[in-house]
């Protein structure tokens, strides 16, 4: 397995760990205080990564390659950060009410459907029968996990 394949796995681990830990810390400080601490740490870490990538361009060439930093800014550039806030606030809240398994299964199902749409509309990769079937199976799994029958 190539290193790049480990990155999404690490991200999946991070979503669950972040949501679960923020839920736990929310019990001590309140959800918004826990989220604020999370975002402060994320901001400091992001500045550190940015500084290292700019200072040592050979370390991560793709990250340091952009010319004219922040040129062509539009309000759309704010959307990824807002998505991050939704994840950081929403997952601990959902985990506290549904549990980690149900929350992550629903997250995964939404990610698969959104990925199908993104690949088809933005990346030009068609939604094949296998991809659609895989998404349907994920939705079925999420439905079974949250069904209170």
C-alpha atoms as a PDB file:
ATOM      1  CA  UNK A   1       0.000   0.000   0.000  1.00  0.00           C
ATOM      2  CA  UNK A   2       1.429   3.361  -0.998  1.00  0.00           C
ATOM      3  CA  UNK A   3       1.837   6.138   1.579  1.00  0.00           C
ATOM      4  CA  UNK A   4      -0.907   8.217  -0.045  1.00  0.00           C
ATOM      5  CA  UNK A   5      -3.375   5.423   0.724  1.00  0.00           C
ATOM      6  CA  UNK A   6      -2.602   5.772   4.421  1.00  0.00           C
ATOM      7  CA  UNK A   7      -3.584   9.461   4.461  1.00  0.00           C
ATOM      8  CA  UNK A   8      -7.372   8.889   4.108  1.00  0.00           C
ATOM      9  CA  UNK A   9      -7.135   6.179   6.754  1.00  0.00           C
ATOM     10  CA  UNK A  10      -5.385   8.627   9.079  1.00  0.00           C
ATOM     11  CA  UNK A  11      -8.071  11.226   8.304  1.00  0.00           C
ATOM     12  CA  UNK A  12     -10.807   8.730   9.187  1.00  0.00           C
ATOM     13  CA  UNK A  13      -9.080   7.961  12.471  1.00  0.00           C
ATOM     14  CA  UNK A  14      -8.714  11.703  13.122  1.00  0.00           C
ATOM     15  CA  UNK A  15     -12.423  12.437  12.540  1.00  0.00           C
ATOM     16  CA  UNK A  16     -13.466   9.860  15.131  1.00  0.00           C
ATOM     17  CA  UNK A  17     -10.729  10.784  17.632  1.00  0.00           C
ATOM     18  CA  UNK A  18     -11.389  14.514  17.241  1.00  0.00           C
ATOM     19  CA  UNK A  19     -15.148  14.151  17.605  1.00  0.00           C
ATOM     20  CA  UNK A  20     -14.900  11.763  20.541  1.00  0.00           C
ATOM     21  CA  UNK A  21     -12.302  13.807  22.401  1.00  0.00           C
ATOM     22  CA  UNK A  22     -14.140  17.080  21.770  1.00  0.00           C
ATOM     23  CA  UNK A  23     -17.325  15.446  23.086  1.00  0.00           C
ATOM     24  CA  UNK A  24     -15.448  14.399  26.213  1.00  0.00           C
ATOM     25  CA  UNK A  25     -13.846  17.831  26.658  1.00  0.00           C
ATOM     26  CA  UNK A  26     -17.236  19.446  26.086  1.00  0.00           C
ATOM     27  CA  UNK A  27     -18.369  17.717  29.276  1.00  0.00           C
ATOM     28  CA  UNK A  28     -15.680  19.669  31.151  1.00  0.00           C
ATOM     29  CA  UNK A  29     -15.714  23.036  29.367  1.00  0.00           C
ATOM     30  CA  UNK A  30     -18.847  23.096  27.194  1.00  0.00           C
ATOM     31  CA  UNK A  31     -18.881  22.285  23.485  1.00  0.00           C
ATOM     32  CA  UNK A  32     -18.083  25.767  22.209  1.00  0.00           C
ATOM     33  CA  UNK A  33     -15.078  26.163  24.532  1.00  0.00           C
ATOM     34  CA  UNK A  34     -13.768  22.751  23.468  1.00  0.00           C
ATOM     35  CA  UNK A  35     -14.238  23.702  19.802  1.00  0.00           C
ATOM     36  CA  UNK A  36     -12.506  27.050  20.343  1.00  0.00           C
ATOM     37  CA  UNK A  37      -9.484  25.292  21.872  1.00  0.00           C
ATOM     38  CA  UNK A  38      -9.512  22.823  18.962  1.00  0.00           C
ATOM     39  CA  UNK A  39      -9.522  25.609  16.395  1.00  0.00           C
ATOM     40  CA  UNK A  40      -6.766  27.583  18.172  1.00  0.00           C
ATOM     41  CA  UNK A  41      -4.538  24.495  18.130  1.00  0.00           C
ATOM     42  CA  UNK A  42      -5.450  23.848  14.479  1.00  0.00           C
ATOM     43  CA  UNK A  43      -4.633  27.453  13.558  1.00  0.00           C
ATOM     44  CA  UNK A  44      -1.237  27.383  15.280  1.00  0.00           C
ATOM     45  CA  UNK A  45      -0.415  23.994  13.720  1.00  0.00           C
ATOM     46  CA  UNK A  46      -1.479  25.228  10.271  1.00  0.00           C
ATOM     47  CA  UNK A  47       0.776  28.288  10.539  1.00  0.00           C
ATOM     48  CA  UNK A  48       3.653  26.011  11.575  1.00  0.00           C
ATOM     49  CA  UNK A  49       3.105  23.657   8.614  1.00  0.00           C
ATOM     50  CA  UNK A  50       2.799  26.659   6.261  1.00  0.00           C
ATOM     51  CA  UNK A  51       6.028  28.178   7.586  1.00  0.00           C
ATOM     52  CA  UNK A  52       7.947  24.906   7.264  1.00  0.00           C
ATOM     53  CA  UNK A  53       6.618  24.257   3.723  1.00  0.00           C
ATOM     54  CA  UNK A  54       7.609  27.796   2.638  1.00  0.00           C
ATOM     55  CA  UNK A  55      10.989  27.710   4.377  1.00  0.00           C
ATOM     56  CA  UNK A  56      11.967  24.240   3.142  1.00  0.00           C
ATOM     57  CA  UNK A  57      10.298  24.055  -0.317  1.00  0.00           C
ATOM     58  CA  UNK A  58      11.950  20.735  -1.205  1.00  0.00           C
ATOM     59  CA  UNK A  59      10.248  19.101   1.775  1.00  0.00           C
ATOM     60  CA  UNK A  60       6.741  19.372   0.244  1.00  0.00           C
ATOM     61  CA  UNK A  61       7.068  20.827  -3.284  1.00  0.00           C
ATOM     62  CA  UNK A  62       3.351  20.681  -4.165  1.00  0.00           C
ATOM     63  CA  UNK A  63       2.416  22.694  -1.077  1.00  0.00           C
ATOM     64  CA  UNK A  64       5.020  25.403  -1.655  1.00  0.00           C
ATOM     65  CA  UNK A  65       4.661  25.654  -5.444  1.00  0.00           C
ATOM     66  CA  UNK A  66       1.854  28.232  -5.639  1.00  0.00           C
ATOM     67  CA  UNK A  67       2.890  31.640  -6.929  1.00  0.00           C
ATOM     68  CA  UNK A  68       1.137  34.824  -5.879  1.00  0.00           C
ATOM     69  CA  UNK A  69      -0.050  33.600  -2.495  1.00  0.00           C
ATOM     70  CA  UNK A  70      -3.721  34.325  -1.884  1.00  0.00           C
ATOM     71  CA  UNK A  71      -4.191  35.993  -5.269  1.00  0.00           C
ATOM     72  CA  UNK A  72      -7.659  35.794  -6.808  1.00  0.00           C
ATOM     73  CA  UNK A  73      -9.411  35.521  -3.429  1.00  0.00           C
ATOM     74  CA  UNK A  74     -13.199  35.071  -3.559  1.00  0.00           C
ATOM     75  CA  UNK A  75     -15.767  34.304  -0.836  1.00  0.00           C
ATOM     76  CA  UNK A  76     -15.740  30.673  -2.069  1.00  0.00           C
ATOM     77  CA  UNK A  77     -12.272  30.365  -0.543  1.00  0.00           C
ATOM     78  CA  UNK A  78     -13.894  30.606   2.901  1.00  0.00           C
ATOM     79  CA  UNK A  79     -16.110  27.549   2.369  1.00  0.00           C
ATOM     80  CA  UNK A  80     -13.533  24.840   3.281  1.00  0.00           C
ATOM     81  CA  UNK A  81     -12.850  26.540   6.610  1.00  0.00           C
ATOM     82  CA  UNK A  82     -16.565  26.749   7.317  1.00  0.00           C
ATOM     83  CA  UNK A  83     -16.869  23.046   6.464  1.00  0.00           C
ATOM     84  CA  UNK A  84     -14.161  22.394   9.047  1.00  0.00           C
ATOM     85  CA  UNK A  85     -16.153  24.259  11.683  1.00  0.00           C
ATOM     86  CA  UNK A  86     -19.243  22.181  10.843  1.00  0.00           C
ATOM     87  CA  UNK A  87     -17.204  18.994  11.329  1.00  0.00           C
ATOM     88  CA  UNK A  88     -15.534  20.168  14.543  1.00  0.00           C
ATOM     89  CA  UNK A  89     -18.822  21.333  16.108  1.00  0.00           C
ATOM     90  CA  UNK A  90     -21.136  18.746  14.578  1.00  0.00           C
ATOM     91  CA  UNK A  91     -19.328  15.473  15.185  1.00  0.00           C
ATOM     92  CA  UNK A  92     -18.928  15.759  18.974  1.00  0.00           C
ATOM     93  CA  UNK A  93     -22.542  16.915  19.204  1.00  0.00           C
ATOM     94  CA  UNK A  94     -23.719  13.942  17.101  1.00  0.00           C
ATOM     95  CA  UNK A  95     -21.491  11.453  18.937  1.00  0.00           C
ATOM     96  CA  UNK A  96     -23.002  12.620  22.222  1.00  0.00           C
ATOM     97  CA  UNK A  97     -26.517  11.896  20.962  1.00  0.00           C
ATOM     98  CA  UNK A  98     -26.122   8.966  18.552  1.00  0.00           C
ATOM     99  CA  UNK A  99     -22.818   7.360  19.587  1.00  0.00           C
ATOM    100  CA  UNK A 100     -19.618   7.169  17.568  1.00  0.00           C
ATOM    101  CA  UNK A 101     -20.599   4.232  15.328  1.00  0.00           C
ATOM    102  CA  UNK A 102     -23.911   5.691  14.159  1.00  0.00           C
ATOM    103  CA  UNK A 103     -22.440   9.176  13.727  1.00  0.00           C
ATOM    104  CA  UNK A 104     -19.491   7.923  11.691  1.00  0.00           C
ATOM    105  CA  UNK A 105     -21.645   5.619   9.560  1.00  0.00           C
ATOM    106  CA  UNK A 106     -23.911   8.532   8.673  1.00  0.00           C
ATOM    107  CA  UNK A 107     -20.859  10.716   8.040  1.00  0.00           C
ATOM    108  CA  UNK A 108     -19.407   8.026   5.782  1.00  0.00           C
ATOM    109  CA  UNK A 109     -22.646   7.608   3.831  1.00  0.00           C
ATOM    110  CA  UNK A 110     -22.890  11.367   3.269  1.00  0.00           C
ATOM    111  CA  UNK A 111     -19.234  11.462   2.217  1.00  0.00           C
ATOM    112  CA  UNK A 112     -19.756   8.676  -0.319  1.00  0.00           C
ATOM    113  CA  UNK A 113     -22.757  10.348  -1.945  1.00  0.00           C
ATOM    114  CA  UNK A 114     -21.057  13.740  -1.953  1.00  0.00           C
ATOM    115  CA  UNK A 115     -17.936  12.109  -3.411  1.00  0.00           C
ATOM    116  CA  UNK A 116     -19.959  10.554  -6.229  1.00  0.00           C
ATOM    117  CA  UNK A 117     -21.439  13.928  -7.098  1.00  0.00           C
ATOM    118  CA  UNK A 118     -18.088  15.733  -6.770  1.00  0.00           C
ATOM    119  CA  UNK A 119     -16.264  13.209  -8.952  1.00  0.00           C
ATOM    120  CA  UNK A 120     -18.948  13.396 -11.640  1.00  0.00           C
ATOM    121  CA  UNK A 121     -19.499  17.158 -11.673  1.00  0.00           C
ATOM    122  CA  UNK A 122     -16.060  18.550 -10.755  1.00  0.00           C
ATOM    123  CA  UNK A 123     -13.450  15.892 -11.530  1.00  0.00           C
ATOM    124  CA  UNK A 124     -15.115  14.422 -14.617  1.00  0.00           C
ATOM    125  CA  UNK A 125     -15.123  10.867 -13.211  1.00  0.00           C
ATOM    126  CA  UNK A 126     -18.469   9.226 -13.920  1.00  0.00           C
ATOM    127  CA  UNK A 127     -20.588   7.565 -11.260  1.00  0.00           C
ATOM    128  CA  UNK A 128     -20.123   3.922 -12.262  1.00  0.00           C
ATOM    129  CA  UNK A 129     -22.506   1.161 -11.228  1.00  0.00           C
ATOM    130  CA  UNK A 130     -19.932  -0.124  -8.713  1.00  0.00           C
ATOM    131  CA  UNK A 131     -19.571   3.313  -7.112  1.00  0.00           C
ATOM    132  CA  UNK A 132     -23.331   3.832  -6.900  1.00  0.00           C
ATOM    133  CA  UNK A 133     -23.853   0.325  -5.480  1.00  0.00           C
ATOM    134  CA  UNK A 134     -21.094   0.897  -2.912  1.00  0.00           C
ATOM    135  CA  UNK A 135     -22.775   4.120  -1.798  1.00  0.00           C
ATOM    136  CA  UNK A 136     -26.136   2.363  -1.542  1.00  0.00           C
ATOM    137  CA  UNK A 137     -24.589  -0.351   0.639  1.00  0.00           C
ATOM    138  CA  UNK A 138     -23.077   2.342   2.885  1.00  0.00           C
ATOM    139  CA  UNK A 139     -26.471   4.005   3.209  1.00  0.00           C
ATOM    140  CA  UNK A 140     -28.045   0.637   4.025  1.00  0.00           C
ATOM    141  CA  UNK A 141     -25.427   0.063   6.721  1.00  0.00           C
ATOM    142  CA  UNK A 142     -26.069   3.506   8.205  1.00  0.00           C
ATOM    143  CA  UNK A 143     -29.831   2.910   8.141  1.00  0.00           C
ATOM    144  CA  UNK A 144     -29.441  -0.439   9.920  1.00  0.00           C
ATOM    145  CA  UNK A 145     -27.176   1.162  12.545  1.00  0.00           C
ATOM    146  CA  UNK A 146     -29.623   3.948  13.377  1.00  0.00           C
ATOM    147  CA  UNK A 147     -32.852   1.990  12.951  1.00  0.00           C
ATOM    148  CA  UNK A 148     -34.677   1.630  16.248  1.00  0.00           C
ATOM    149  CA  UNK A 149     -37.020  -1.096  15.096  1.00  0.00           C
END
